[in-house]
PDB file of all heavy atoms in Angstrom:
ATOM      1  N   TYR A   1     -47.825  26.879  26.802  1.00  0.00           N
ATOM      2  CA  TYR A   1     -46.569  26.224  27.004  1.00  0.00           C
ATOM      3  C   TYR A   1     -45.402  26.945  26.270  1.00  0.00           C
ATOM      4  O   TYR A   1     -44.253  26.453  26.314  1.00  0.00           O
ATOM      5  CB  TYR A   1     -46.597  24.786  26.493  1.00  0.00           C
ATOM      6  CG  TYR A   1     -47.753  23.944  27.111  1.00  0.00           C
ATOM      7  CD1 TYR A   1     -48.774  23.427  26.331  1.00  0.00           C
ATOM      8  CD2 TYR A   1     -47.865  23.879  28.506  1.00  0.00           C
ATOM      9  CE1 TYR A   1     -49.792  22.719  26.897  1.00  0.00           C
ATOM     10  CE2 TYR A   1     -48.917  23.133  29.037  1.00  0.00           C
ATOM     11  CZ  TYR A   1     -49.874  22.611  28.273  1.00  0.00           C
ATOM     12  OH  TYR A   1     -50.934  21.919  28.842  1.00  0.00           O
ATOM     13  N   ASN A   2     -45.694  28.150  25.732  1.00  0.00           N
ATOM     14  CA  ASN A   2     -44.659  28.871  24.985  1.00  0.00           C
ATOM     15  C   ASN A   2     -44.040  28.030  23.835  1.00  0.00           C
ATOM     16  O   ASN A   2     -42.844  28.205  23.478  1.00  0.00           O
ATOM     17  CB  ASN A   2     -43.524  29.272  25.931  1.00  0.00           C
ATOM     18  CG  ASN A   2     -43.833  30.594  26.660  1.00  0.00           C
ATOM     19  OD1 ASN A   2     -44.820  31.279  26.291  1.00  0.00           O
ATOM     20  ND2 ASN A   2     -43.047  30.964  27.693  1.00  0.00           N
ATOM     21  N   THR A   3     -44.798  27.128  23.309  1.00  0.00           N
ATOM     22  CA  THR A   3     -44.330  26.329  22.210  1.00  0.00           C
ATOM     23  C   THR A   3     -44.251  27.161  20.949  1.00  0.00           C
ATOM     24  O   THR A   3     -45.210  27.812  20.594  1.00  0.00           O
ATOM     25  CB  THR A   3     -45.206  25.101  21.946  1.00  0.00           C
ATOM     26  OG1 THR A   3     -45.431  24.389  23.175  1.00  0.00           O
ATOM     27  CG2 THR A   3     -44.675  24.151  20.915  1.00  0.00           C
ATOM     28  N   ARG A   4     -43.065  27.136  20.310  1.00  0.00           N
ATOM     29  CA  ARG A   4     -42.824  28.112  19.213  1.00  0.00           C
ATOM     30  C   ARG A   4     -42.761  27.494  17.798  1.00  0.00           C
ATOM     31  O   ARG A   4     -42.292  28.167  16.835  1.00  0.00           O
ATOM     32  CB  ARG A   4     -41.547  28.943  19.523  1.00  0.00           C
ATOM     33  CG  ARG A   4     -41.812  29.971  20.643  1.00  0.00           C
ATOM     34  CD  ARG A   4     -42.820  30.951  20.189  1.00  0.00           C
ATOM     35  NE  ARG A   4     -43.315  31.792  21.293  1.00  0.00           N
ATOM     36  CZ  ARG A   4     -44.489  31.613  21.925  1.00  0.00           C
ATOM     37  NH1 ARG A   4     -45.228  30.606  21.594  1.00  0.00           N
ATOM     38  NH2 ARG A   4     -44.851  32.472  22.899  1.00  0.00           N
ATOM     39  N   LEU A   5     -43.195  26.220  17.699  1.00  0.00           N
ATOM     40  CA  LEU A   5     -43.203  25.594  16.368  1.00  0.00           C
ATOM     41  C   LEU A   5     -44.543  24.896  16.197  1.00  0.00           C
ATOM     42  O   LEU A   5     -44.951  24.136  17.065  1.00  0.00           O
ATOM     43  CB  LEU A   5     -42.084  24.642  16.188  1.00  0.00           C
ATOM     44  CG  LEU A   5     -42.095  23.832  14.873  1.00  0.00           C
ATOM     45  CD1 LEU A   5     -41.919  24.749  13.658  1.00  0.00           C
ATOM     46  CD2 LEU A   5     -41.088  22.721  14.869  1.00  0.00           C
ATOM     47  N   VAL A   6     -45.210  25.183  15.092  1.00  0.00           N
ATOM     48  CA  VAL A   6     -46.417  24.493  14.668  1.00  0.00           C
ATOM     49  C   VAL A   6     -46.127  23.830  13.279  1.00  0.00           C
ATOM     50  O   VAL A   6     -45.727  24.542  12.420  1.00  0.00           O
ATOM     51  CB  VAL A   6     -47.648  25.427  14.552  1.00  0.00           C
ATOM     52  CG1 VAL A   6     -48.866  24.603  14.197  1.00  0.00           C
ATOM     53  CG2 VAL A   6     -47.881  26.176  15.865  1.00  0.00           C
ATOM     54  N   VAL A   7     -46.403  22.533  13.260  1.00  0.00           N
ATOM     55  CA  VAL A   7     -46.218  21.834  11.973  1.00  0.00           C
ATOM     56  C   VAL A   7     -47.563  21.268  11.518  1.00  0.00           C
ATOM     57  O   VAL A   7     -48.214  20.565  12.241  1.00  0.00           O
ATOM     58  CB  VAL A   7     -45.218  20.647  12.144  1.00  0.00           C
ATOM     59  CG1 VAL A   7     -45.094  19.883  10.778  1.00  0.00           C
ATOM     60  CG2 VAL A   7     -43.861  21.166  12.587  1.00  0.00           C
ATOM     61  N   LEU A   8     -47.939  21.668  10.300  1.00  0.00           N
ATOM     62  CA  LEU A   8     -49.125  21.143   9.619  1.00  0.00           C
ATOM     63  C   LEU A   8     -48.651  19.954   8.836  1.00  0.00           C
ATOM     64  O   LEU A   8     -47.997  20.051   7.800  1.00  0.00           O
ATOM     65  CB  LEU A   8     -49.756  22.165   8.766  1.00  0.00           C
ATOM     66  CG  LEU A   8     -51.234  21.919   8.274  1.00  0.00           C
ATOM     67  CD1 LEU A   8     -51.394  20.717   7.428  1.00  0.00           C
ATOM     68  CD2 LEU A   8     -52.133  21.814   9.499  1.00  0.00           C
ATOM     69  N   LEU A   9     -48.905  18.748   9.307  1.00  0.00           N
ATOM     70  CA  LEU A   9     -48.373  17.506   8.761  1.00  0.00           C
ATOM     71  C   LEU A   9     -49.337  16.637   7.983  1.00  0.00           C
ATOM     72  O   LEU A   9     -50.274  16.098   8.542  1.00  0.00           O
ATOM     73  CB  LEU A   9     -47.784  16.635   9.882  1.00  0.00           C
ATOM     74  CG  LEU A   9     -47.137  15.272   9.495  1.00  0.00           C
ATOM     75  CD1 LEU A   9     -45.921  15.553   8.638  1.00  0.00           C
ATOM     76  CD2 LEU A   9     -46.797  14.487  10.770  1.00  0.00           C
ATOM     77  N   GLY A  10     -49.209  16.698   6.598  1.00  0.00           N
ATOM     78  CA  GLY A  10     -50.046  15.829   5.752  1.00  0.00           C
ATOM     79  C   GLY A  10     -49.218  14.655   5.382  1.00  0.00           C
ATOM     80  O   GLY A  10     -48.090  14.413   5.859  1.00  0.00           O
ATOM     81  N   HIS A  11     -49.712  13.783   4.528  1.00  0.00           N
ATOM     82  CA  HIS A  11     -48.953  12.592   4.130  1.00  0.00           C
ATOM     83  C   HIS A  11     -49.418  12.104   2.714  1.00  0.00           C
ATOM     84  O   HIS A  11     -50.516  12.391   2.233  1.00  0.00           O
ATOM     85  CB  HIS A  11     -49.098  11.493   5.151  1.00  0.00           C
ATOM     86  CG  HIS A  11     -50.529  10.969   5.208  1.00  0.00           C
ATOM     87  ND1 HIS A  11     -50.986   9.885   4.502  1.00  0.00           N
ATOM     88  CD2 HIS A  11     -51.626  11.339   5.975  1.00  0.00           C
ATOM     89  CE1 HIS A  11     -52.261   9.629   4.807  1.00  0.00           C
ATOM     90  NE2 HIS A  11     -52.629  10.559   5.671  1.00  0.00           N
ATOM     91  N   THR A  12     -48.548  11.356   2.070  1.00  0.00           N
ATOM     92  CA  THR A  12     -48.908  10.802   0.747  1.00  0.00           C
ATOM     93  C   THR A  12     -50.054   9.824   0.941  1.00  0.00           C
ATOM     94  O   THR A  12     -50.280   9.248   1.979  1.00  0.00           O
ATOM     95  CB  THR A  12     -47.697  10.096   0.152  1.00  0.00           C
ATOM     96  OG1 THR A  12     -47.236   9.053   1.112  1.00  0.00           O
ATOM     97  CG2 THR A  12     -46.479  11.042  -0.050  1.00  0.00           C
ATOM     98  N   GLN A  13     -50.761   9.652  -0.176  1.00  0.00           N
ATOM     99  CA  GLN A  13     -51.891   8.664  -0.250  1.00  0.00           C
ATOM    100  C   GLN A  13     -52.977   8.976   0.838  1.00  0.00           C
ATOM    101  O   GLN A  13     -53.546   8.067   1.441  1.00  0.00           O
ATOM    102  CB  GLN A  13     -51.403   7.241  -0.050  1.00  0.00           C
ATOM    103  CG  GLN A  13     -50.386   6.829  -1.099  1.00  0.00           C
ATOM    104  CD  GLN A  13     -49.974   5.362  -0.928  1.00  0.00           C
ATOM    105  OE1 GLN A  13     -50.747   4.497  -0.599  1.00  0.00           O
ATOM    106  NE2 GLN A  13     -48.656   5.128  -1.150  1.00  0.00           N
ATOM    107  N   CYS A  14     -53.247  10.254   1.112  1.00  0.00           N
ATOM    108  CA  CYS A  14     -54.227  10.636   2.160  1.00  0.00           C
ATOM    109  C   CYS A  14     -55.636  10.196   1.713  1.00  0.00           C
ATOM    110  O   CYS A  14     -56.082  10.629   0.684  1.00  0.00           O
ATOM    111  CB  CYS A  14     -54.147  12.116   2.453  1.00  0.00           C
ATOM    112  SG  CYS A  14     -55.336  12.675   3.633  1.00  0.00           S
ATOM    113  N   GLY A  15     -56.249   9.381   2.517  1.00  0.00           N
ATOM    114  CA  GLY A  15     -57.607   8.901   2.160  1.00  0.00           C
ATOM    115  C   GLY A  15     -58.641   9.954   2.115  1.00  0.00           C
ATOM    116  O   GLY A  15     -59.546   9.899   1.280  1.00  0.00           O
ATOM    117  N   ALA A  16     -58.529  11.012   2.992  1.00  0.00           N
ATOM    118  CA  ALA A  16     -59.507  12.033   2.974  1.00  0.00           C
ATOM    119  C   ALA A  16     -59.383  12.903   1.703  1.00  0.00           C
ATOM    120  O   ALA A  16     -60.414  13.312   1.129  1.00  0.00           O
ATOM    121  CB  ALA A  16     -59.350  12.939   4.219  1.00  0.00           C
ATOM    122  N   VAL A  17     -58.176  13.130   1.285  1.00  0.00           N
ATOM    123  CA  VAL A  17     -57.978  13.813   0.013  1.00  0.00           C
ATOM    124  C   VAL A  17     -58.474  13.053  -1.166  1.00  0.00           C
ATOM    125  O   VAL A  17     -59.111  13.546  -2.076  1.00  0.00           O
ATOM    126  CB  VAL A  17     -56.489  14.196  -0.160  1.00  0.00           C
ATOM    127  CG1 VAL A  17     -56.256  14.850  -1.538  1.00  0.00           C
ATOM    128  CG2 VAL A  17     -55.998  15.201   0.910  1.00  0.00           C
ATOM    129  N   ALA A  18     -58.177  11.747  -1.152  1.00  0.00           N
ATOM    130  CA  ALA A  18     -58.633  10.853  -2.243  1.00  0.00           C
ATOM    131  C   ALA A  18     -60.191  10.835  -2.296  1.00  0.00           C
ATOM    132  O   ALA A  18     -60.815  10.836  -3.361  1.00  0.00           O
ATOM    133  CB  ALA A  18     -58.182   9.431  -2.014  1.00  0.00           C
ATOM    134  N   ALA A  19     -60.861  10.770  -1.125  1.00  0.00           N
ATOM    135  CA  ALA A  19     -62.315  10.804  -1.101  1.00  0.00           C
ATOM    136  C   ALA A  19     -62.892  12.067  -1.611  1.00  0.00           C
ATOM    137  O   ALA A  19     -63.895  12.088  -2.347  1.00  0.00           O
ATOM    138  CB  ALA A  19     -62.800  10.588   0.374  1.00  0.00           C
ATOM    139  N   THR A  20     -62.185  13.218  -1.305  1.00  0.00           N
ATOM    140  CA  THR A  20     -62.651  14.496  -1.844  1.00  0.00           C
ATOM    141  C   THR A  20     -62.498  14.577  -3.363  1.00  0.00           C
ATOM    142  O   THR A  20     -63.436  14.984  -4.019  1.00  0.00           O
ATOM    143  CB  THR A  20     -61.782  15.620  -1.216  1.00  0.00           C
ATOM    144  OG1 THR A  20     -61.931  15.519   0.239  1.00  0.00           O
ATOM    145  CG2 THR A  20     -62.257  16.976  -1.679  1.00  0.00           C
ATOM    146  N   LEU A  21     -61.398  14.082  -3.893  1.00  0.00           N
ATOM    147  CA  LEU A  21     -61.240  14.076  -5.286  1.00  0.00           C
ATOM    148  C   LEU A  21     -62.269  13.159  -6.020  1.00  0.00           C
ATOM    149  O   LEU A  21     -62.835  13.506  -7.101  1.00  0.00           O
ATOM    150  CB  LEU A  21     -59.807  13.562  -5.719  1.00  0.00           C
ATOM    151  CG  LEU A  21     -58.645  14.489  -5.348  1.00  0.00           C
ATOM    152  CD1 LEU A  21     -57.327  13.762  -5.580  1.00  0.00           C
ATOM    153  CD2 LEU A  21     -58.714  15.825  -6.114  1.00  0.00           C
ATOM    154  N   ASP A  22     -62.573  12.049  -5.405  1.00  0.00           N
ATOM    155  CA  ASP A  22     -63.571  11.133  -5.907  1.00  0.00           C
ATOM    156  C   ASP A  22     -64.960  11.784  -6.029  1.00  0.00           C
ATOM    157  O   ASP A  22     -65.670  11.690  -6.988  1.00  0.00           O
ATOM    158  CB  ASP A  22     -63.611   9.891  -5.087  1.00  0.00           C
ATOM    159  CG  ASP A  22     -64.535   8.852  -5.695  1.00  0.00           C
ATOM    160  OD1 ASP A  22     -64.281   8.380  -6.841  1.00  0.00           O
ATOM    161  OD2 ASP A  22     -65.544   8.488  -5.071  1.00  0.00           O
ATOM    162  N   GLU A  23     -65.296  12.563  -4.943  1.00  0.00           N
ATOM    163  CA  GLU A  23     -66.619  13.238  -4.916  1.00  0.00           C
ATOM    164  C   GLU A  23     -66.618  14.332  -6.016  1.00  0.00           C
ATOM    165  O   GLU A  23     -67.663  14.536  -6.665  1.00  0.00           O
ATOM    166  CB  GLU A  23     -66.895  13.792  -3.560  1.00  0.00           C
ATOM    167  CG  GLU A  23     -67.188  12.724  -2.496  1.00  0.00           C
ATOM    168  CD  GLU A  23     -67.977  13.217  -1.324  1.00  0.00           C
ATOM    169  OE1 GLU A  23     -68.560  14.322  -1.421  1.00  0.00           O
ATOM    170  OE2 GLU A  23     -68.045  12.498  -0.308  1.00  0.00           O
ATOM    171  N   LEU A  24     -65.515  15.073  -6.118  1.00  0.00           N
ATOM    172  CA  LEU A  24     -65.478  16.116  -7.162  1.00  0.00           C
ATOM    173  C   LEU A  24     -65.517  15.499  -8.557  1.00  0.00           C
ATOM    174  O   LEU A  24     -66.198  16.025  -9.397  1.00  0.00           O
ATOM    175  CB  LEU A  24     -64.221  16.943  -6.969  1.00  0.00           C
ATOM    176  CG  LEU A  24     -64.111  17.860  -5.742  1.00  0.00           C
ATOM    177  CD1 LEU A  24     -62.746  18.425  -5.622  1.00  0.00           C
ATOM    178  CD2 LEU A  24     -65.156  18.943  -5.785  1.00  0.00           C
ATOM    179  N   ARG A  25     -64.835  14.417  -8.758  1.00  0.00           N
ATOM    180  CA  ARG A  25     -64.808  13.761 -10.071  1.00  0.00           C
ATOM    181  C   ARG A  25     -66.169  13.247 -10.475  1.00  0.00           C
ATOM    182  O   ARG A  25     -66.569  13.382 -11.646  1.00  0.00           O
ATOM    183  CB  ARG A  25     -63.772  12.611 -10.035  1.00  0.00           C
ATOM    184  CG  ARG A  25     -63.553  11.964 -11.382  1.00  0.00           C
ATOM    185  CD  ARG A  25     -62.531  10.878 -11.243  1.00  0.00           C
ATOM    186  NE  ARG A  25     -61.221  11.345 -10.896  1.00  0.00           N
ATOM    187  CZ  ARG A  25     -60.583  11.176  -9.737  1.00  0.00           C
ATOM    188  NH1 ARG A  25     -61.213  10.484  -8.797  1.00  0.00           N
ATOM    189  NH2 ARG A  25     -59.385  11.620  -9.545  1.00  0.00           N
ATOM    190  N   ASN A  26     -66.856  12.683  -9.486  1.00  0.00           N
ATOM    191  CA  ASN A  26     -68.196  12.045  -9.767  1.00  0.00           C
ATOM    192  C   ASN A  26     -69.421  12.928  -9.464  1.00  0.00           C
ATOM    193  O   ASN A  26     -70.556  12.514  -9.596  1.00  0.00           O
ATOM    194  CB  ASN A  26     -68.269  10.742  -9.039  1.00  0.00           C
ATOM    195  CG  ASN A  26     -67.212   9.721  -9.447  1.00  0.00           C
ATOM    196  OD1 ASN A  26     -67.048   9.462 -10.604  1.00  0.00           O
ATOM    197  ND2 ASN A  26     -66.496   9.193  -8.485  1.00  0.00           N
ATOM    198  N   ASN A  27     -69.071  14.161  -9.053  1.00  0.00           N
ATOM    199  CA  ASN A  27     -70.167  15.103  -8.675  1.00  0.00           C
ATOM    200  C   ASN A  27     -71.137  14.458  -7.664  1.00  0.00           C
ATOM    201  O   ASN A  27     -72.363  14.545  -7.853  1.00  0.00           O
ATOM    202  CB  ASN A  27     -70.853  15.609  -9.893  1.00  0.00           C
ATOM    203  CG  ASN A  27     -71.740  16.813  -9.617  1.00  0.00           C
ATOM    204  OD1 ASN A  27     -71.426  17.603  -8.746  1.00  0.00           O
ATOM    205  ND2 ASN A  27     -72.796  16.971 -10.372  1.00  0.00           N
ATOM    206  N   SER A  28     -70.578  13.813  -6.681  1.00  0.00           N
ATOM    207  CA  SER A  28     -71.367  13.079  -5.717  1.00  0.00           C
ATOM    208  C   SER A  28     -71.200  13.665  -4.313  1.00  0.00           C
ATOM    209  O   SER A  28     -70.363  14.562  -4.094  1.00  0.00           O
ATOM    210  CB  SER A  28     -71.054  11.584  -5.730  1.00  0.00           C
ATOM    211  OG  SER A  28     -69.670  11.421  -5.314  1.00  0.00           O
ATOM    212  N   ARG A  29     -71.959  13.155  -3.336  1.00  0.00           N
ATOM    213  CA  ARG A  29     -71.811  13.660  -2.000  1.00  0.00           C
ATOM    214  C   ARG A  29     -71.845  12.460  -1.020  1.00  0.00           C
ATOM    215  O   ARG A  29     -72.622  11.527  -1.218  1.00  0.00           O
ATOM    216  CB  ARG A  29     -72.996  14.606  -1.603  1.00  0.00           C
ATOM    217  CG  ARG A  29     -73.064  15.874  -2.372  1.00  0.00           C
ATOM    218  CD  ARG A  29     -74.137  16.771  -1.875  1.00  0.00           C
ATOM    219  NE  ARG A  29     -73.787  17.339  -0.597  1.00  0.00           N
ATOM    220  CZ  ARG A  29     -74.697  18.007   0.216  1.00  0.00           C
ATOM    221  NH1 ARG A  29     -75.921  18.083  -0.149  1.00  0.00           N
ATOM    222  NH2 ARG A  29     -74.337  18.535   1.329  1.00  0.00           N
ATOM    223  N   SER A  30     -71.046  12.560   0.024  1.00  0.00           N
ATOM    224  CA  SER A  30     -71.045  11.496   1.037  1.00  0.00           C
ATOM    225  C   SER A  30     -72.377  11.483   1.709  1.00  0.00           C
ATOM    226  O   SER A  30     -72.985  12.534   2.021  1.00  0.00           O
ATOM    227  CB  SER A  30     -69.940  11.773   2.055  1.00  0.00           C
ATOM    228  OG  SER A  30     -70.111  10.958   3.201  1.00  0.00           O
ATOM    229  N   PRO A  31     -72.986  10.326   2.031  1.00  0.00           N
ATOM    230  CA  PRO A  31     -74.205  10.220   2.706  1.00  0.00           C
ATOM    231  C   PRO A  31     -74.153  10.689   4.167  1.00  0.00           C
ATOM    232  O   PRO A  31     -75.196  10.944   4.773  1.00  0.00           O
ATOM    233  CB  PRO A  31     -74.570   8.713   2.626  1.00  0.00           C
ATOM    234  CG  PRO A  31     -73.268   8.021   2.508  1.00  0.00           C
ATOM    235  CD  PRO A  31     -72.403   8.975   1.684  1.00  0.00           C
ATOM    236  N   SER A  32     -72.936  10.812   4.693  1.00  0.00           N
ATOM    237  CA  SER A  32     -72.804  11.239   6.078  1.00  0.00           C
ATOM    238  C   SER A  32     -72.486  12.782   6.151  1.00  0.00           C
ATOM    239  O   SER A  32     -71.485  13.215   5.597  1.00  0.00           O
ATOM    240  CB  SER A  32     -71.630  10.468   6.739  1.00  0.00           C
ATOM    241  OG  SER A  32     -71.180  11.130   7.905  1.00  0.00           O
ATOM    242  N   ARG A  33     -73.325  13.436   6.885  1.00  0.00           N
ATOM    243  CA  ARG A  33     -73.067  14.930   7.066  1.00  0.00           C
ATOM    244  C   ARG A  33     -71.756  15.181   7.752  1.00  0.00           C
ATOM    245  O   ARG A  33     -71.048  16.142   7.422  1.00  0.00           O
ATOM    246  CB  ARG A  33     -74.213  15.473   7.944  1.00  0.00           C
ATOM    247  CG  ARG A  33     -74.103  17.020   8.160  1.00  0.00           C
ATOM    248  CD  ARG A  33     -75.231  17.475   9.059  1.00  0.00           C
ATOM    249  NE  ARG A  33     -75.055  16.914  10.409  1.00  0.00           N
ATOM    250  CZ  ARG A  33     -75.921  17.158  11.409  1.00  0.00           C
ATOM    251  NH1 ARG A  33     -77.032  17.932  11.159  1.00  0.00           N
ATOM    252  NH2 ARG A  33     -75.721  16.598  12.593  1.00  0.00           N
ATOM    253  N   ASN A  34     -71.327  14.329   8.700  1.00  0.00           N
ATOM    254  CA  ASN A  34     -70.098  14.495   9.365  1.00  0.00           C
ATOM    255  C   ASN A  34     -68.890  14.305   8.462  1.00  0.00           C
ATOM    256  O   ASN A  34     -67.935  15.069   8.525  1.00  0.00           O
ATOM    257  CB  ASN A  34     -69.993  13.522  10.557  1.00  0.00           C
ATOM    258  CG  ASN A  34     -71.099  13.758  11.580  1.00  0.00           C
ATOM    259  OD1 ASN A  34     -71.359  14.867  11.987  1.00  0.00           O
ATOM    260  ND2 ASN A  34     -71.813  12.674  11.902  1.00  0.00           N
ATOM    261  N   GLN A  35     -68.946  13.272   7.578  1.00  0.00           N
ATOM    262  CA  GLN A  35     -67.843  13.069   6.664  1.00  0.00           C
ATOM    263  C   GLN A  35     -67.833  14.207   5.641  1.00  0.00           C
ATOM    264  O   GLN A  35     -66.745  14.618   5.145  1.00  0.00           O
ATOM    265  CB  GLN A  35     -68.016  11.726   5.930  1.00  0.00           C
ATOM    266  CG  GLN A  35     -67.738  10.543   6.977  1.00  0.00           C
ATOM    267  CD  GLN A  35     -67.847   9.219   6.238  1.00  0.00           C
ATOM    268  OE1 GLN A  35     -67.289   9.010   5.156  1.00  0.00           O
ATOM    269  NE2 GLN A  35     -68.626   8.332   6.842  1.00  0.00           N
ATOM    270  N   ARG A  36     -69.005  14.703   5.260  1.00  0.00           N
ATOM    271  CA  ARG A  36     -69.061  15.789   4.301  1.00  0.00           C
ATOM    272  C   ARG A  36     -68.381  17.016   4.797  1.00  0.00           C
ATOM    273  O   ARG A  36     -67.781  17.821   4.046  1.00  0.00           O
ATOM    274  CB  ARG A  36     -70.532  16.113   3.943  1.00  0.00           C
ATOM    275  CG  ARG A  36     -71.182  15.249   2.952  1.00  0.00           C
ATOM    276  CD  ARG A  36     -72.332  15.943   2.192  1.00  0.00           C
ATOM    277  NE  ARG A  36     -73.360  16.414   3.145  1.00  0.00           N
ATOM    278  CZ  ARG A  36     -74.338  15.686   3.637  1.00  0.00           C
ATOM    279  NH1 ARG A  36     -74.461  14.407   3.326  1.00  0.00           N
ATOM    280  NH2 ARG A  36     -75.257  16.207   4.481  1.00  0.00           N
ATOM    281  N   SER A  37     -68.420  17.211   6.148  1.00  0.00           N
ATOM    282  CA  SER A  37     -67.789  18.401   6.742  1.00  0.00           C
ATOM    283  C   SER A  37     -66.308  18.375   6.529  1.00  0.00           C
ATOM    284  O   SER A  37     -65.649  19.444   6.452  1.00  0.00           O
ATOM    285  CB  SER A  37     -68.126  18.491   8.250  1.00  0.00           C
ATOM    286  OG  SER A  37     -67.477  17.497   8.990  1.00  0.00           O
ATOM    287  N   ILE A  38     -65.711  17.193   6.455  1.00  0.00           N
ATOM    288  CA  ILE A  38     -64.325  17.035   6.178  1.00  0.00           C
ATOM    289  C   ILE A  38     -63.965  17.350   4.713  1.00  0.00           C
ATOM    290  O   ILE A  38     -63.130  18.142   4.337  1.00  0.00           O
ATOM    291  CB  ILE A  38     -63.801  15.645   6.571  1.00  0.00           C
ATOM    292  CG1 ILE A  38     -63.956  15.402   8.056  1.00  0.00           C
ATOM    293  CG2 ILE A  38     -62.318  15.453   6.157  1.00  0.00           C
ATOM    294  CD1 ILE A  38     -63.630  13.981   8.529  1.00  0.00           C
ATOM    295  N   VAL A  39     -64.811  16.687   3.837  1.00  0.00           N
ATOM    296  CA  VAL A  39     -64.630  16.861   2.408  1.00  0.00           C
ATOM    297  C   VAL A  39     -64.804  18.346   2.051  1.00  0.00           C
ATOM    298  O   VAL A  39     -64.004  18.877   1.196  1.00  0.00           O
ATOM    299  CB  VAL A  39     -65.631  15.993   1.617  1.00  0.00           C
ATOM    300  CG1 VAL A  39     -65.643  16.396   0.148  1.00  0.00           C
ATOM    301  CG2 VAL A  39     -65.239  14.493   1.767  1.00  0.00           C
ATOM    302  N   GLU A  40     -65.775  19.031   2.630  1.00  0.00           N
ATOM    303  CA  GLU A  40     -66.015  20.405   2.246  1.00  0.00           C
ATOM    304  C   GLU A  40     -64.885  21.287   2.657  1.00  0.00           C
ATOM    305  O   GLU A  40     -64.773  22.376   2.122  1.00  0.00           O
ATOM    306  CB  GLU A  40     -67.326  20.862   2.941  1.00  0.00           C
ATOM    307  CG  GLU A  40     -68.573  20.191   2.211  1.00  0.00           C
ATOM    308  CD  GLU A  40     -69.850  20.408   3.031  1.00  0.00           C
ATOM    309  OE1 GLU A  40     -69.800  20.985   4.125  1.00  0.00           O
ATOM    310  OE2 GLU A  40     -70.911  19.962   2.542  1.00  0.00           O
ATOM    311  N   ARG A  41     -64.080  20.954   3.630  1.00  0.00           N
ATOM    312  CA  ARG A  41     -62.956  21.732   4.093  1.00  0.00           C
ATOM    313  C   ARG A  41     -61.755  21.534   3.133  1.00  0.00           C
ATOM    314  O   ARG A  41     -60.879  22.327   2.998  1.00  0.00           O
ATOM    315  CB  ARG A  41     -62.571  21.548   5.482  1.00  0.00           C
ATOM    316  CG  ARG A  41     -63.554  22.128   6.535  1.00  0.00           C
ATOM    317  CD  ARG A  41     -63.128  22.007   7.930  1.00  0.00           C
ATOM    318  NE  ARG A  41     -64.084  22.659   8.780  1.00  0.00           N
ATOM    319  CZ  ARG A  41     -64.141  23.986   9.029  1.00  0.00           C
ATOM    320  NH1 ARG A  41     -63.259  24.790   8.469  1.00  0.00           N
ATOM    321  NH2 ARG A  41     -65.062  24.533   9.854  1.00  0.00           N
ATOM    322  N   ILE A  42     -61.649  20.334   2.553  1.00  0.00           N
ATOM    323  CA  ILE A  42     -60.559  20.041   1.659  1.00  0.00           C
ATOM    324  C   ILE A  42     -60.854  20.492   0.210  1.00  0.00           C
ATOM    325  O   ILE A  42     -59.971  20.946  -0.474  1.00  0.00           O
ATOM    326  CB  ILE A  42     -60.323  18.480   1.642  1.00  0.00           C
ATOM    327  CG1 ILE A  42     -59.891  18.079   3.045  1.00  0.00           C
ATOM    328  CG2 ILE A  42     -59.249  18.105   0.622  1.00  0.00           C
ATOM    329  CD1 ILE A  42     -59.731  16.520   3.158  1.00  0.00           C
ATOM    330  N   ALA A  43     -62.110  20.415  -0.209  1.00  0.00           N
ATOM    331  CA  ALA A  43     -62.487  20.661  -1.608  1.00  0.00           C
ATOM    332  C   ALA A  43     -62.021  21.993  -2.142  1.00  0.00           C
ATOM    333  O   ALA A  43     -61.491  22.040  -3.284  1.00  0.00           O
ATOM    334  CB  ALA A  43     -64.021  20.548  -1.757  1.00  0.00           C
TER     335      ALA A  43
END
């Protein structure tokens, strides 16, 4: 489409970021492999 702007849009109070910090703080892992794939990209 010849689109010439890409915006990477995050937001305050992001739950995925909070979950990642919680896992790092407690040295734990999500029981879901699929959710871990998100945490592992943020960590």
